[in-house]
PDB file of N, CA and C in Angstrom:
ATOM      1  N   MET A   1      55.024 -20.294 -31.093  1.00  0.00           N
ATOM      2  CA  MET A   1      53.981 -19.308 -30.916  1.00  0.00           C
ATOM      3  C   MET A   1      53.816 -19.035 -29.425  1.00  0.00           C
ATOM      4  N   LYS A   2      53.778 -17.776 -29.066  1.00  0.00           N
ATOM      5  CA  LYS A   2      53.602 -17.377 -27.672  1.00  0.00           C
ATOM      6  C   LYS A   2      52.117 -17.226 -27.381  1.00  0.00           C
ATOM      7  N   TYR A   3      51.656 -17.876 -26.331  1.00  0.00           N
ATOM      8  CA  TYR A   3      50.244 -17.785 -25.945  1.00  0.00           C
ATOM      9  C   TYR A   3      50.105 -16.920 -24.710  1.00  0.00           C
ATOM     10  N   ILE A   4      49.109 -16.088 -24.718  1.00  0.00           N
ATOM     11  CA  ILE A   4      48.842 -15.233 -23.558  1.00  0.00           C
ATOM     12  C   ILE A   4      47.364 -14.827 -23.600  1.00  0.00           C
ATOM     13  N   THR A   5      46.779 -14.696 -22.449  1.00  0.00           N
ATOM     14  CA  THR A   5      45.414 -14.192 -22.359  1.00  0.00           C
ATOM     15  C   THR A   5      45.434 -12.933 -21.509  1.00  0.00           C
ATOM     16  N   ALA A   6      44.923 -11.857 -22.057  1.00  0.00           N
ATOM     17  CA  ALA A   6      44.806 -10.609 -21.309  1.00  0.00           C
ATOM     18  C   ALA A   6      43.337 -10.415 -20.981  1.00  0.00           C
ATOM     19  N   LEU A   7      43.033 -10.261 -19.723  1.00  0.00           N
ATOM     20  CA  LEU A   7      41.664 -10.027 -19.287  1.00  0.00           C
ATOM     21  C   LEU A   7      41.490  -8.531 -19.038  1.00  0.00           C
ATOM     22  N   VAL A   8      40.457  -7.954 -19.592  1.00  0.00           N
ATOM     23  CA  VAL A   8      40.187  -6.528 -19.444  1.00  0.00           C
ATOM     24  C   VAL A   8      38.947  -6.360 -18.585  1.00  0.00           C
ATOM     25  N   MET A   9      39.065  -5.613 -17.504  1.00  0.00           N
ATOM     26  CA  MET A   9      37.940  -5.333 -16.611  1.00  0.00           C
ATOM     27  C   MET A   9      37.636  -3.852 -16.718  1.00  0.00           C
ATOM     28  N   LEU A  10      36.414  -3.510 -17.063  1.00  0.00           N
ATOM     29  CA  LEU A  10      36.014  -2.122 -17.190  1.00  0.00           C
ATOM     30  C   LEU A  10      34.970  -1.794 -16.135  1.00  0.00           C
ATOM     31  N   SER A  11      35.047  -0.622 -15.565  1.00  0.00           N
ATOM     32  CA  SER A  11      33.998  -0.174 -14.654  1.00  0.00           C
ATOM     33  C   SER A  11      33.479   1.167 -15.158  1.00  0.00           C
ATOM     34  N   PHE A  12      32.175   1.353 -15.021  1.00  0.00           N
ATOM     35  CA  PHE A  12      31.529   2.542 -15.545  1.00  0.00           C
ATOM     36  C   PHE A  12      30.699   3.194 -14.461  1.00  0.00           C
ATOM     37  N   VAL A  13      30.514   4.480 -14.608  1.00  0.00           N
ATOM     38  CA  VAL A  13      29.652   5.218 -13.699  1.00  0.00           C
ATOM     39  C   VAL A  13      28.594   5.923 -14.552  1.00  0.00           C
ATOM     40  N   TYR A  14      27.371   5.916 -14.072  1.00  0.00           N
ATOM     41  CA  TYR A  14      26.247   6.546 -14.757  1.00  0.00           C
ATOM     42  C   TYR A  14      26.161   7.977 -14.266  1.00  0.00           C
ATOM     43  N   ILE A  15      26.261   8.910 -15.195  1.00  0.00           N
ATOM     44  CA  ILE A  15      26.214  10.323 -14.812  1.00  0.00           C
ATOM     45  C   ILE A  15      25.064  10.982 -15.550  1.00  0.00           C
ATOM     46  N   ARG A  16      24.225  11.636 -14.814  1.00  0.00           N
ATOM     47  CA  ARG A  16      23.103  12.348 -15.423  1.00  0.00           C
ATOM     48  C   ARG A  16      23.393  13.838 -15.340  1.00  0.00           C
ATOM     49  N   ALA A  17      23.576  14.446 -16.488  1.00  0.00           N
ATOM     50  CA  ALA A  17      23.829  15.881 -16.550  1.00  0.00           C
ATOM     51  C   ALA A  17      22.764  16.491 -17.446  1.00  0.00           C
ATOM     52  N   ALA A  18      21.877  17.254 -16.865  1.00  0.00           N
ATOM     53  CA  ALA A  18      20.735  17.856 -17.588  1.00  0.00           C
ATOM     54  C   ALA A  18      19.959  16.748 -18.287  1.00  0.00           C
ATOM     55  N   GLN A  19      19.884  16.772 -19.598  1.00  0.00           N
ATOM     56  CA  GLN A  19      19.158  15.749 -20.349  1.00  0.00           C
ATOM     57  C   GLN A  19      20.079  14.614 -20.794  1.00  0.00           C
ATOM     58  N   ASP A  20      21.329  14.666 -20.434  1.00  0.00           N
ATOM     59  CA  ASP A  20      22.310  13.669 -20.850  1.00  0.00           C
ATOM     60  C   ASP A  20      22.262  12.468 -19.919  1.00  0.00           C
ATOM     61  N   LEU A  21      21.808  11.348 -20.405  1.00  0.00           N
ATOM     62  CA  LEU A  21      21.767  10.116 -19.629  1.00  0.00           C
ATOM     63  C   LEU A  21      22.805   9.169 -20.212  1.00  0.00           C
ATOM     64  N   SER A  22      24.005   9.203 -19.694  1.00  0.00           N
ATOM     65  CA  SER A  22      25.115   8.480 -20.301  1.00  0.00           C
ATOM     66  C   SER A  22      25.910   7.688 -19.277  1.00  0.00           C
ATOM     67  N   TRP A  23      26.619   6.688 -19.780  1.00  0.00           N
ATOM     68  CA  TRP A  23      27.578   5.929 -18.974  1.00  0.00           C
ATOM     69  C   TRP A  23      28.977   6.395 -19.343  1.00  0.00           C
ATOM     70  N   TYR A  24      29.785   6.658 -18.325  1.00  0.00           N
ATOM     71  CA  TYR A  24      31.157   7.094 -18.543  1.00  0.00           C
ATOM     72  C   TYR A  24      32.110   6.101 -17.889  1.00  0.00           C
ATOM     73  N   VAL A  25      33.286   5.984 -18.474  1.00  0.00           N
ATOM     74  CA  VAL A  25      34.297   5.070 -17.949  1.00  0.00           C
ATOM     75  C   VAL A  25      34.776   5.585 -16.601  1.00  0.00           C
ATOM     76  N   GLU A  26      34.749   4.728 -15.611  1.00  0.00           N
ATOM     77  CA  GLU A  26      35.232   5.065 -14.276  1.00  0.00           C
ATOM     78  C   GLU A  26      36.608   4.463 -14.042  1.00  0.00           C
ATOM     79  N   GLY A  27      36.887   3.314 -14.668  1.00  0.00           N
ATOM     80  CA  GLY A  27      38.182   2.681 -14.508  1.00  0.00           C
ATOM     81  C   GLY A  27      38.372   1.558 -15.510  1.00  0.00           C
ATOM     82  N   ILE A  28      39.618   1.284 -15.827  1.00  0.00           N
ATOM     83  CA  ILE A  28      39.985   0.176 -16.712  1.00  0.00           C
ATOM     84  C   ILE A  28      41.078  -0.608 -16.002  1.00  0.00           C
ATOM     85  N   HIS A  29      40.877  -1.902 -15.904  1.00  0.00           N
ATOM     86  CA  HIS A  29      41.834  -2.751 -15.192  1.00  0.00           C
ATOM     87  C   HIS A  29      42.162  -3.972 -16.051  1.00  0.00           C
ATOM     88  N   PHE A  30      43.414  -4.353 -16.070  1.00  0.00           N
ATOM     89  CA  PHE A  30      43.857  -5.517 -16.828  1.00  0.00           C
ATOM     90  C   PHE A  30      44.356  -6.579 -15.861  1.00  0.00           C
ATOM     91  N   SER A  31      44.214  -7.825 -16.247  1.00  0.00           N
ATOM     92  CA  SER A  31      44.872  -8.913 -15.521  1.00  0.00           C
ATOM     93  C   SER A  31      45.319  -9.935 -16.542  1.00  0.00           C
ATOM     94  N   GLY A  32      46.346 -10.679 -16.205  1.00  0.00           N
ATOM     95  CA  GLY A  32      46.876 -11.680 -17.116  1.00  0.00           C
ATOM     96  C   GLY A  32      47.846 -11.103 -18.127  1.00  0.00           C
ATOM     97  N   ASN A  33      48.148  -9.842 -18.031  1.00  0.00           N
ATOM     98  CA  ASN A  33      49.052  -9.201 -18.990  1.00  0.00           C
ATOM     99  C   ASN A  33      50.436  -9.000 -18.362  1.00  0.00           C
ATOM    100  N   GLU A  34      51.055 -10.099 -17.995  1.00  0.00           N
ATOM    101  CA  GLU A  34      52.357 -10.010 -17.329  1.00  0.00           C
ATOM    102  C   GLU A  34      53.462  -9.501 -18.253  1.00  0.00           C
ATOM    103  N   ARG A  35      53.287  -9.648 -19.552  1.00  0.00           N
ATOM    104  CA  ARG A  35      54.334  -9.290 -20.510  1.00  0.00           C
ATOM    105  C   ARG A  35      54.289  -7.821 -20.948  1.00  0.00           C
ATOM    106  N   ILE A  36      53.110  -7.233 -20.926  1.00  0.00           N
ATOM    107  CA  ILE A  36      52.953  -5.855 -21.385  1.00  0.00           C
ATOM    108  C   ILE A  36      52.225  -5.064 -20.297  1.00  0.00           C
ATOM    109  N   GLU A  37      52.793  -3.932 -19.952  1.00  0.00           N
ATOM    110  CA  GLU A  37      52.240  -3.116 -18.871  1.00  0.00           C
ATOM    111  C   GLU A  37      50.916  -2.464 -19.270  1.00  0.00           C
ATOM    112  N   GLN A  38      50.064  -2.246 -18.284  1.00  0.00           N
ATOM    113  CA  GLN A  38      48.795  -1.553 -18.501  1.00  0.00           C
ATOM    114  C   GLN A  38      49.043  -0.178 -19.099  1.00  0.00           C
ATOM    115  N   SER A  39      50.088   0.489 -18.651  1.00  0.00           N
ATOM    116  CA  SER A  39      50.402   1.832 -19.145  1.00  0.00           C
ATOM    117  C   SER A  39      50.744   1.827 -20.638  1.00  0.00           C
ATOM    118  N   GLU A  40      51.104   0.680 -21.171  1.00  0.00           N
ATOM    119  CA  GLU A  40      51.389   0.541 -22.590  1.00  0.00           C
ATOM    120  C   GLU A  40      50.111   0.236 -23.383  1.00  0.00           C
ATOM    121  N   LEU A  41      49.121  -0.376 -22.731  1.00  0.00           N
ATOM    122  CA  LEU A  41      47.888  -0.791 -23.408  1.00  0.00           C
ATOM    123  C   LEU A  41      46.819   0.299 -23.437  1.00  0.00           C
ATOM    124  N   VAL A  42      46.681   1.042 -22.356  1.00  0.00           N
ATOM    125  CA  VAL A  42      45.603   2.038 -22.252  1.00  0.00           C
ATOM    126  C   VAL A  42      45.663   3.086 -23.374  1.00  0.00           C
ATOM    127  N   PRO A  43      46.842   3.588 -23.760  1.00  0.00           N
ATOM    128  CA  PRO A  43      46.864   4.587 -24.841  1.00  0.00           C
ATOM    129  C   PRO A  43      46.361   4.053 -26.191  1.00  0.00           C
ATOM    130  N   LEU A  44      46.303   2.750 -26.350  1.00  0.00           N
ATOM    131  CA  LEU A  44      45.808   2.152 -27.590  1.00  0.00           C
ATOM    132  C   LEU A  44      44.291   2.218 -27.686  1.00  0.00           C
ATOM    133  N   MET A  45      43.637   2.503 -26.576  1.00  0.00           N
ATOM    134  CA  MET A  45      42.186   2.388 -26.473  1.00  0.00           C
ATOM    135  C   MET A  45      41.475   3.724 -26.704  1.00  0.00           C
ATOM    136  N   GLN A  46      40.247   3.634 -27.250  1.00  0.00           N
ATOM    137  CA  GLN A  46      39.385   4.808 -27.362  1.00  0.00           C
ATOM    138  C   GLN A  46      38.736   5.118 -26.018  1.00  0.00           C
ATOM    139  N   LEU A  47      38.296   4.073 -25.314  1.00  0.00           N
ATOM    140  CA  LEU A  47      37.754   4.244 -23.966  1.00  0.00           C
ATOM    141  C   LEU A  47      38.920   4.506 -23.031  1.00  0.00           C
ATOM    142  N   GLN A  48      38.829   5.557 -22.249  1.00  0.00           N
ATOM    143  CA  GLN A  48      39.926   5.954 -21.390  1.00  0.00           C
ATOM    144  C   GLN A  48      39.446   6.158 -19.963  1.00  0.00           C
ATOM    145  N   PRO A  49      40.332   5.909 -18.986  1.00  0.00           N
ATOM    146  CA  PRO A  49      39.973   6.243 -17.608  1.00  0.00           C
ATOM    147  C   PRO A  49      39.803   7.762 -17.492  1.00  0.00           C
ATOM    148  N   PRO A  50      39.080   8.214 -16.482  1.00  0.00           N
ATOM    149  CA  PRO A  50      38.855   9.655 -16.367  1.00  0.00           C
ATOM    150  C   PRO A  50      40.150  10.416 -16.117  1.00  0.00           C
ATOM    151  N   GLY A  51      40.223  11.599 -16.727  1.00  0.00           N
ATOM    152  CA  GLY A  51      41.336  12.506 -16.494  1.00  0.00           C
ATOM    153  C   GLY A  51      40.888  13.635 -15.595  1.00  0.00           C
ATOM    154  N   PHE A  52      41.727  14.624 -15.428  1.00  0.00           N
ATOM    155  CA  PHE A  52      41.414  15.724 -14.532  1.00  0.00           C
ATOM    156  C   PHE A  52      40.183  16.497 -15.009  1.00  0.00           C
ATOM    157  N   PHE A  53      40.107  16.755 -16.314  1.00  0.00           N
ATOM    158  CA  PHE A  53      38.966  17.483 -16.864  1.00  0.00           C
ATOM    159  C   PHE A  53      38.240  16.703 -17.951  1.00  0.00           C
ATOM    160  N   THR A  54      38.520  15.432 -18.096  1.00  0.00           N
ATOM    161  CA  THR A  54      37.940  14.662 -19.196  1.00  0.00           C
ATOM    162  C   THR A  54      37.266  13.388 -18.706  1.00  0.00           C
ATOM    163  N   ARG A  55      36.257  12.977 -19.485  1.00  0.00           N
ATOM    164  CA  ARG A  55      35.582  11.704 -19.245  1.00  0.00           C
ATOM    165  C   ARG A  55      35.392  11.038 -20.594  1.00  0.00           C
ATOM    166  N   SER A  56      35.428   9.729 -20.597  1.00  0.00           N
ATOM    167  CA  SER A  56      35.233   8.958 -21.816  1.00  0.00           C
ATOM    168  C   SER A  56      33.859   8.294 -21.754  1.00  0.00           C
ATOM    169  N   GLU A  57      32.989   8.637 -22.702  1.00  0.00           N
ATOM    170  CA  GLU A  57      31.653   8.051 -22.728  1.00  0.00           C
ATOM    171  C   GLU A  57      31.732   6.630 -23.283  1.00  0.00           C
ATOM    172  N   TYR A  58      31.092   5.697 -22.581  1.00  0.00           N
ATOM    173  CA  TYR A  58      31.094   4.294 -22.983  1.00  0.00           C
ATOM    174  C   TYR A  58      30.221   4.066 -24.209  1.00  0.00           C
ATOM    175  N   SER A  59      30.733   3.240 -25.122  1.00  0.00           N
ATOM    176  CA  SER A  59      29.911   2.703 -26.205  1.00  0.00           C
ATOM    177  C   SER A  59      30.441   1.302 -26.510  1.00  0.00           C
ATOM    178  N   PHE A  60      29.528   0.413 -26.827  1.00  0.00           N
ATOM    179  CA  PHE A  60      29.907  -0.971 -27.096  1.00  0.00           C
ATOM    180  C   PHE A  60      30.823  -1.051 -28.316  1.00  0.00           C
ATOM    181  N   SER A  61      30.566  -0.233 -29.340  1.00  0.00           N
ATOM    182  CA  SER A  61      31.412  -0.277 -30.535  1.00  0.00           C
ATOM    183  C   SER A  61      32.853   0.146 -30.217  1.00  0.00           C
ATOM    184  N   LYS A  62      33.022   1.130 -29.330  1.00  0.00           N
ATOM    185  CA  LYS A  62      34.376   1.510 -28.910  1.00  0.00           C
ATOM    186  C   LYS A  62      35.051   0.370 -28.159  1.00  0.00           C
ATOM    187  N   LEU A  63      34.295  -0.327 -27.327  1.00  0.00           N
ATOM    188  CA  LEU A  63      34.847  -1.452 -26.580  1.00  0.00           C
ATOM    189  C   LEU A  63      35.346  -2.536 -27.534  1.00  0.00           C
ATOM    190  N   ILE A  64      34.573  -2.865 -28.549  1.00  0.00           N
ATOM    191  CA  ILE A  64      34.972  -3.865 -29.535  1.00  0.00           C
ATOM    192  C   ILE A  64      36.226  -3.408 -30.278  1.00  0.00           C
ATOM    193  N   ASP A  65      36.271  -2.144 -30.660  1.00  0.00           N
ATOM    194  CA  ASP A  65      37.455  -1.595 -31.329  1.00  0.00           C
ATOM    195  C   ASP A  65      38.677  -1.655 -30.422  1.00  0.00           C
ATOM    196  N   ASP A  66      38.490  -1.371 -29.142  1.00  0.00           N
ATOM    197  CA  ASP A  66      39.599  -1.412 -28.181  1.00  0.00           C
ATOM    198  C   ASP A  66      40.150  -2.827 -28.027  1.00  0.00           C
ATOM    199  N   ILE A  67      39.277  -3.800 -27.961  1.00  0.00           N
ATOM    200  CA  ILE A  67      39.715  -5.187 -27.841  1.00  0.00           C
ATOM    201  C   ILE A  67      40.533  -5.574 -29.073  1.00  0.00           C
ATOM    202  N   SER A  68      40.073  -5.171 -30.242  1.00  0.00           N
ATOM    203  CA  SER A  68      40.809  -5.453 -31.484  1.00  0.00           C
ATOM    204  C   SER A  68      42.174  -4.772 -31.484  1.00  0.00           C
ATOM    205  N   ALA A  69      42.233  -3.529 -31.027  1.00  0.00           N
ATOM    206  CA  ALA A  69      43.498  -2.785 -30.989  1.00  0.00           C
ATOM    207  C   ALA A  69      44.508  -3.453 -30.054  1.00  0.00           C
ATOM    208  N   ILE A  70      44.047  -3.904 -28.898  1.00  0.00           N
ATOM    209  CA  ILE A  70      44.939  -4.574 -27.949  1.00  0.00           C
ATOM    210  C   ILE A  70      45.433  -5.892 -28.528  1.00  0.00           C
ATOM    211  N   LYS A  71      44.533  -6.631 -29.144  1.00  0.00           N
ATOM    212  CA  LYS A  71      44.920  -7.907 -29.750  1.00  0.00           C
ATOM    213  C   LYS A  71      45.952  -7.695 -30.860  1.00  0.00           C
ATOM    214  N   ARG A  72      45.755  -6.700 -31.717  1.00  0.00           N
ATOM    215  CA  ARG A  72      46.734  -6.385 -32.773  1.00  0.00           C
ATOM    216  C   ARG A  72      48.088  -6.035 -32.164  1.00  0.00           C
ATOM    217  N   TYR A  73      48.073  -5.290 -31.070  1.00  0.00           N
ATOM    218  CA  TYR A  73      49.319  -4.900 -30.417  1.00  0.00           C
ATOM    219  C   TYR A  73      50.074  -6.128 -29.906  1.00  0.00           C
ATOM    220  N   TYR A  74      49.347  -7.051 -29.281  1.00  0.00           N
ATOM    221  CA  TYR A  74      49.978  -8.288 -28.833  1.00  0.00           C
ATOM    222  C   TYR A  74      50.566  -9.051 -30.015  1.00  0.00           C
ATOM    223  N   TYR A  75      49.850  -9.115 -31.115  1.00  0.00           N
ATOM    224  CA  TYR A  75      50.343  -9.807 -32.313  1.00  0.00           C
ATOM    225  C   TYR A  75      51.639  -9.173 -32.805  1.00  0.00           C
ATOM    226  N   LYS A  76      51.677  -7.822 -32.837  1.00  0.00           N
ATOM    227  CA  LYS A  76      52.884  -7.116 -33.275  1.00  0.00           C
ATOM    228  C   LYS A  76      54.078  -7.435 -32.379  1.00  0.00           C
ATOM    229  N   LYS A  77      53.795  -7.681 -31.110  1.00  0.00           N
ATOM    230  CA  LYS A  77      54.857  -7.999 -30.152  1.00  0.00           C
ATOM    231  C   LYS A  77      55.259  -9.484 -30.216  1.00  0.00           C
ATOM    232  N   GLY A  78      54.624 -10.251 -31.102  1.00  0.00           N
ATOM    233  CA  GLY A  78      54.990 -11.648 -31.276  1.00  0.00           C
ATOM    234  C   GLY A  78      54.105 -12.641 -30.546  1.00  0.00           C
ATOM    235  N   TYR A  79      53.073 -12.171 -29.889  1.00  0.00           N
ATOM    236  CA  TYR A  79      52.149 -13.052 -29.175  1.00  0.00           C
ATOM    237  C   TYR A  79      50.995 -13.430 -30.106  1.00  0.00           C
ATOM    238  N   LEU A  80      51.286 -14.321 -31.059  1.00  0.00           N
ATOM    239  CA  LEU A  80      50.307 -14.675 -32.086  1.00  0.00           C
ATOM    240  C   LEU A  80      49.136 -15.452 -31.522  1.00  0.00           C
ATOM    241  N   GLY A  81      49.298 -16.062 -30.374  1.00  0.00           N
ATOM    242  CA  GLY A  81      48.215 -16.797 -29.732  1.00  0.00           C
ATOM    243  C   GLY A  81      47.493 -15.974 -28.687  1.00  0.00           C
ATOM    244  N   ALA A  82      47.628 -14.645 -28.765  1.00  0.00           N
ATOM    245  CA  ALA A  82      47.033 -13.775 -27.739  1.00  0.00           C
ATOM    246  C   ALA A  82      45.515 -13.809 -27.808  1.00  0.00           C
ATOM    247  N   SER A  83      44.922 -13.733 -26.644  1.00  0.00           N
ATOM    248  CA  SER A  83      43.476 -13.687 -26.520  1.00  0.00           C
ATOM    249  C   SER A  83      43.138 -12.528 -25.587  1.00  0.00           C
ATOM    250  N   VAL A  84      42.242 -11.676 -26.010  1.00  0.00           N
ATOM    251  CA  VAL A  84      41.813 -10.546 -25.185  1.00  0.00           C
ATOM    252  C   VAL A  84      40.321 -10.716 -24.950  1.00  0.00           C
ATOM    253  N   VAL A  85      39.941 -10.814 -23.695  1.00  0.00           N
ATOM    254  CA  VAL A  85      38.536 -11.043 -23.357  1.00  0.00           C
ATOM    255  C   VAL A  85      38.076 -10.017 -22.321  1.00  0.00           C
ATOM    256  N   ILE A  86      36.777  -9.775 -22.315  1.00  0.00           N
ATOM    257  CA  ILE A  86      36.196  -8.893 -21.302  1.00  0.00           C
ATOM    258  C   ILE A  86      35.974  -9.738 -20.059  1.00  0.00           C
ATOM    259  N   ALA A  87      36.660  -9.388 -18.990  1.00  0.00           N
ATOM    260  CA  ALA A  87      36.504 -10.126 -17.737  1.00  0.00           C
ATOM    261  C   ALA A  87      35.235  -9.706 -17.026  1.00  0.00           C
ATOM    262  N   GLY A  88      34.775  -8.514 -17.295  1.00  0.00           N
ATOM    263  CA  GLY A  88      33.553  -8.051 -16.643  1.00  0.00           C
ATOM    264  C   GLY A  88      33.336  -6.573 -16.893  1.00  0.00           C
ATOM    265  N   ILE A  89      32.106  -6.187 -16.721  1.00  0.00           N
ATOM    266  CA  ILE A  89      31.731  -4.777 -16.792  1.00  0.00           C
ATOM    267  C   ILE A  89      30.877  -4.500 -15.559  1.00  0.00           C
ATOM    268  N   GLU A  90      31.308  -3.535 -14.769  1.00  0.00           N
ATOM    269  CA  GLU A  90      30.566  -3.159 -13.576  1.00  0.00           C
ATOM    270  C   GLU A  90      29.941  -1.792 -13.800  1.00  0.00           C
ATOM    271  N   LYS A  91      28.721  -1.636 -13.338  1.00  0.00           N
ATOM    272  CA  LYS A  91      28.041  -0.347 -13.416  1.00  0.00           C
ATOM    273  C   LYS A  91      27.799   0.186 -12.027  1.00  0.00           C
ATOM    274  N   ASN A  92      28.304   1.354 -11.753  1.00  0.00           N
ATOM    275  CA  ASN A  92      28.115   2.019 -10.477  1.00  0.00           C
ATOM    276  C   ASN A  92      26.950   2.980 -10.613  1.00  0.00           C
ATOM    277  N   THR A  93      25.816   2.618 -10.025  1.00  0.00           N
ATOM    278  CA  THR A  93      24.621   3.458 -10.140  1.00  0.00           C
ATOM    279  C   THR A  93      24.431   4.336  -8.911  1.00  0.00           C
ATOM    280  N   ALA A  94      25.443   4.382  -8.049  1.00  0.00           N
ATOM    281  CA  ALA A  94      25.313   5.137  -6.798  1.00  0.00           C
ATOM    282  C   ALA A  94      25.266   6.638  -7.022  1.00  0.00           C
ATOM    283  N   LEU A  95      25.827   7.120  -8.122  1.00  0.00           N
ATOM    284  CA  LEU A  95      25.866   8.557  -8.360  1.00  0.00           C
ATOM    285  C   LEU A  95      24.601   9.054  -9.010  1.00  0.00           C
TER     286      LEU A  95
END
């Protein structure tokens, strides 16, 4: 059994637009994933880093689903002992 731990670090920015008081994903960072590239993991996720014209609104349920999706992907690749944990969540309130 192959063991690996992937740490997921998410950063969010609070954006207030009219009456919309929401948190949006500002960045997603992985560590401990030496076997699978970040570029391979991010497309599996509902929460996405910002694009040119797009933003991904944060929700805890999406985060839980994303962790499950990454873990399933590791299992499919043969890493049955894979562990995916949230390394941290940062909130940027400067904006």
